[in-house]
Amino acid sequence: MTFDGFNFPYTDFKFPGQHTQEKILFVTRESGKILLTKLILLFIAFGFLLFIGEFVLSLISSFVGSDFNYSYFLFLWFLTCFGFLVVAGWWVVTLWRKSIFIVTTRRLTKIIYTTPWNKYNLSLNLDKIVDGGAYKKGLFQSLMGLGYFVARSSAGNIKNFKIINIDYKVAEDLHNYITKLLYTFNNQKEKLDNFRLFMPYLKGEARRRAAPEYYQDQA
């Protein structure tokens, strides 16, 4: 079973700085709707650039006359725009694929790539979380059914830790899940090792039916 491209229950997944006893409870990334939206915008930009290039070349051709090789320059412009589309598409997909959010038995962490080669890491330990919530912000998130989860922090250097642009239903369920995780972390730490992993969209018996190999040893 996979969630957002990550194999549940994440036994084959490691991230930089992960402690030996640190158990991964959930891994996700921005919704695929965000990736699709960005790619659609890229194709629109590609079409717009082609149109502008053709318009400018047509004007030049009308002034220069038959000495101007319109077809040749139009082909060069098409190759330029297509190269832009390929590079920009690779860039967008790479950033989306590499940027992830992780919940563990010790912290919330995210690895965000600003370029395909540069990234920043941000972590918030569970003992620094005051409370959290799930929200929608703006018309776009409302129309797309997206939202974000935010954990409010008591740490001086981190005010809010956000997991953004995930399905709003997942954000709501994650909020409830983190609340239970914090209670266990603060009051029953001995149960953390067996704390169930977060499975979005599924509850109760549906979780057991979806991943019986995981739940067969769970209390």
Protein backbone atom coordinates (compact mmCIF):
# COMPACT_ATOMS: atom_id res chain seq x y z
CA MET A 1 0.00 0.00 0.00
CA THR A 2 1.23 3.49 -0.83
CA PHE A 3 0.20 6.98 0.29
CA ASP A 4 1.44 9.91 -1.81
CA GLY A 5 4.04 7.64 -3.38
CA PHE A 6 5.49 6.38 -0.08
CA ASN A 7 5.25 2.72 0.85
CA PHE A 8 3.28 2.14 4.04
CA PRO A 9 4.42 1.42 6.79
CA TYR A 10 7.60 3.32 5.78
CA THR A 11 10.05 0.63 6.91
CA ASP A 12 12.13 1.20 3.77
CA PHE A 13 12.21 4.99 4.17
CA LYS A 14 14.94 6.97 5.95
CA PHE A 15 15.62 10.68 6.13
CA PRO A 16 18.75 12.67 7.05
CA GLY A 17 19.17 13.09 10.80
CA GLN A 18 16.75 10.33 11.73
CA HIS A 19 17.53 8.81 15.14
CA THR A 20 17.89 5.06 15.53
CA GLN A 21 14.85 4.76 17.81
CA GLU A 22 12.78 7.31 15.91
CA LYS A 23 9.71 5.74 14.32
CA ILE A 24 8.17 7.30 11.22
CA LEU A 25 4.42 7.65 11.58
CA PHE A 26 3.50 9.48 8.38
CA VAL A 27 5.17 10.83 5.24
CA THR A 28 3.47 13.09 2.73
CA ARG A 29 4.05 15.89 0.24
CA GLU A 30 1.98 18.61 -1.38
CA SER A 31 -1.14 17.36 -3.12
CA GLY A 32 -0.75 16.21 -6.70
CA LYS A 33 -3.35 18.86 -7.53
CA ILE A 34 -0.68 21.48 -6.88
CA LEU A 35 1.74 19.76 -9.26
CA LEU A 36 -0.94 19.44 -11.93
CA THR A 37 -1.88 23.13 -11.56
CA LYS A 38 1.74 24.22 -11.97
CA LEU A 39 2.21 22.02 -15.04
CA ILE A 40 -0.96 23.39 -16.62
CA LEU A 41 0.30 26.93 -16.01
CA LEU A 42 3.59 25.97 -17.66
CA PHE A 43 1.77 24.72 -20.78
CA ILE A 44 -0.24 27.96 -20.87
CA ALA A 45 3.01 29.94 -20.63
CA PHE A 46 4.47 27.78 -23.42
CA GLY A 47 1.51 28.53 -25.67
CA PHE A 48 1.64 32.23 -24.83
CA LEU A 49 5.36 32.45 -25.65
CA LEU A 50 4.76 30.68 -28.97
CA PHE A 51 2.00 33.13 -29.81
CA ILE A 52 4.11 36.18 -28.91
CA GLY A 53 7.07 34.84 -30.88
CA GLU A 54 4.94 34.15 -33.95
CA PHE A 55 3.37 37.61 -33.73
CA VAL A 56 6.76 39.36 -33.47
CA LEU A 57 8.25 37.29 -36.30
CA SER A 58 5.24 38.06 -38.47
CA LEU A 59 5.76 41.79 -37.89
CA ILE A 60 9.45 41.50 -38.74
CA SER A 61 8.63 39.49 -41.87
CA SER A 62 6.13 42.10 -43.03
CA PHE A 63 8.78 44.83 -42.77
CA VAL A 64 11.77 42.90 -44.11
CA GLY A 65 9.97 41.03 -46.85
CA SER A 66 11.05 37.86 -48.62
CA ASP A 67 14.64 38.18 -47.40
CA PHE A 68 13.47 37.17 -43.93
CA ASN A 69 13.38 33.40 -43.37
CA TYR A 70 10.20 33.30 -41.29
CA SER A 71 9.90 29.50 -41.08
CA TYR A 72 13.48 29.05 -39.92
CA PHE A 73 13.24 31.60 -37.10
CA LEU A 74 9.82 30.32 -36.09
CA PHE A 75 11.31 26.82 -35.76
CA LEU A 76 14.17 28.19 -33.65
CA TRP A 77 11.67 29.99 -31.44
CA PHE A 78 9.64 26.80 -31.05
CA LEU A 79 12.77 24.87 -30.01
CA THR A 80 13.63 27.60 -27.49
CA CYS A 81 10.14 27.56 -25.98
CA PHE A 82 10.05 23.77 -25.92
CA GLY A 83 13.43 23.69 -24.16
CA PHE A 84 12.04 26.13 -21.60
CA LEU A 85 9.00 23.87 -21.11
CA VAL A 86 11.11 20.75 -20.58
CA VAL A 87 13.54 22.40 -18.13
CA ALA A 88 10.80 24.21 -16.20
CA GLY A 89 8.68 21.04 -16.06
CA TRP A 90 11.63 19.01 -14.76
CA TRP A 91 12.33 21.74 -12.19
CA VAL A 92 8.73 21.84 -10.91
CA VAL A 93 8.36 18.05 -10.74
CA THR A 94 11.72 17.64 -8.99
CA LEU A 95 10.91 20.20 -6.29
CA TRP A 96 7.48 18.64 -5.75
CA ARG A 97 8.87 15.12 -5.53
CA LYS A 98 11.77 15.92 -3.21
CA SER A 99 9.94 18.25 -0.79
CA ILE A 100 8.35 16.16 1.96
CA PHE A 101 6.71 16.41 5.39
CA ILE A 102 7.33 13.78 8.07
CA VAL A 103 5.69 12.93 11.39
CA THR A 104 7.69 10.76 13.80
CA THR A 105 7.47 9.69 17.42
CA ARG A 106 9.84 12.55 18.30
CA ARG A 107 9.03 15.46 16.02
CA LEU A 108 7.46 17.03 12.99
CA THR A 109 9.95 17.71 10.24
CA LYS A 110 9.97 18.92 6.68
CA ILE A 111 12.57 18.94 3.94
CA ILE A 112 11.85 21.67 1.41
CA TYR A 113 13.82 22.02 -1.82
CA THR A 114 14.11 25.57 -3.16
CA THR A 115 16.10 24.35 -6.17
CA PRO A 116 16.79 20.76 -7.29
CA TRP A 117 20.10 21.02 -5.40
CA ASN A 118 19.37 23.30 -2.43
CA LYS A 119 17.07 22.56 0.48
CA TYR A 120 16.27 23.59 4.01
CA ASN A 121 15.21 21.39 6.92
CA LEU A 122 12.84 22.46 9.68
CA SER A 123 11.93 20.33 12.69
CA LEU A 124 9.70 20.84 15.70
CA ASN A 125 10.03 18.47 18.65
CA LEU A 126 6.78 17.13 20.06
CA ASP A 127 7.52 18.59 23.49
CA LYS A 128 7.54 22.08 21.94
CA ILE A 129 4.07 21.83 20.39
CA VAL A 130 1.40 23.83 22.24
CA ASP A 131 -1.58 23.04 20.03
CA GLY A 132 -2.55 22.67 16.38
CA GLY A 133 -5.31 23.02 13.87
CA ALA A 134 -6.46 22.37 10.31
CA TYR A 135 -7.43 25.27 8.09
CA LYS A 136 -8.39 26.36 4.60
CA LYS A 137 -7.02 29.65 3.36
CA GLY A 138 -8.25 31.50 0.31
CA LEU A 139 -10.47 30.70 -2.64
CA PHE A 140 -7.97 28.41 -4.36
CA GLN A 141 -7.72 25.98 -1.44
CA SER A 142 -11.51 26.00 -1.04
CA LEU A 143 -12.09 25.20 -4.72
CA MET A 144 -9.39 22.51 -4.80
CA GLY A 145 -10.38 20.90 -1.49
CA LEU A 146 -6.97 21.64 0.00
CA GLY A 147 -5.86 22.98 3.34
CA TYR A 148 -2.99 22.92 5.77
CA PHE A 149 -2.13 21.58 9.17
CA VAL A 150 -0.36 23.91 11.59
CA ALA A 151 1.29 23.13 14.91
CA ARG A 152 1.72 26.15 17.18
CA SER A 153 5.04 26.11 18.95
CA SER A 154 6.46 27.27 22.27
CA ALA A 155 9.93 27.29 20.73
CA GLY A 156 11.30 30.80 20.32
CA ASN A 157 12.74 30.23 16.85
CA ILE A 158 9.64 28.51 15.37
CA LYS A 159 6.23 30.11 15.76
CA ASN A 160 4.19 27.81 13.56
CA PHE A 161 5.04 24.58 11.81
CA LYS A 162 2.89 24.14 8.71
CA ILE A 163 2.17 21.22 6.43
CA ILE A 164 0.63 23.01 3.46
CA ASN A 165 -1.52 22.19 0.44
CA ILE A 166 -2.64 18.72 1.46
CA ASP A 167 -6.18 17.42 1.11
CA TYR A 168 -8.28 19.21 3.71
CA LYS A 169 -9.79 15.96 4.99
CA VAL A 170 -6.26 14.66 5.58
CA ALA A 171 -5.35 17.89 7.39
CA GLU A 172 -8.37 17.49 9.69
CA ASP A 173 -7.60 13.85 10.43
CA LEU A 174 -3.92 14.68 10.96
CA HIS A 175 -4.89 17.34 13.49
CA ASN A 176 -6.86 14.77 15.51
CA TYR A 177 -4.04 12.24 15.13
CA ILE A 178 -1.37 14.69 16.35
CA THR A 179 -3.56 15.53 19.36
CA LYS A 180 -3.61 11.83 20.33
CA LEU A 181 0.12 11.53 19.63
CA LEU A 182 0.89 14.47 21.91
CA TYR A 183 -1.21 13.00 24.72
CA THR A 184 0.69 9.72 24.44
CA PHE A 185 4.03 11.53 24.24
CA ASN A 186 3.30 13.60 27.34
CA ASN A 187 1.55 10.98 29.47
CA GLN A 188 2.31 7.46 28.21
CA LYS A 189 5.71 7.51 26.55
CA GLU A 190 6.10 3.78 27.03
CA LYS A 191 3.37 3.30 24.40
CA LEU A 192 5.07 5.38 21.71
CA ASP A 193 6.90 2.44 20.16
CA ASN A 194 3.56 0.78 19.39
CA PHE A 195 1.71 3.94 18.44
CA ARG A 196 -0.24 3.26 15.27
CA LEU A 197 0.85 4.91 12.04
CA PHE A 198 -1.33 7.54 10.43
CA MET A 199 -3.38 6.23 7.52
CA PRO A 200 -5.24 9.02 5.70
CA TYR A 201 -8.79 8.43 4.43
CA LEU A 202 -9.20 5.26 6.51
CA LYS A 203 -10.60 4.72 9.99
CA GLY A 204 -11.20 1.86 12.40
CA GLU A 205 -11.71 -1.53 10.83
CA ALA A 206 -11.06 -0.12 7.35
CA ARG A 207 -7.42 0.40 8.36
CA ARG A 208 -7.05 -3.22 9.36
CA ARG A 209 -8.57 -4.44 6.12
CA ALA A 210 -6.32 -2.14 4.08
CA ALA A 211 -3.06 -3.16 5.82
CA PRO A 212 -3.56 -6.47 7.64
CA GLU A 213 0.19 -7.22 7.56
CA TYR A 214 0.80 -4.12 9.67
CA TYR A 215 -2.12 -4.38 12.08
CA GLN A 216 -1.81 -8.07 12.85
CA ASP A 217 0.75 -7.26 15.56
CA GLN A 218 -0.94 -4.10 16.76
CA ALA A 219 -2.87 -4.02 20.02
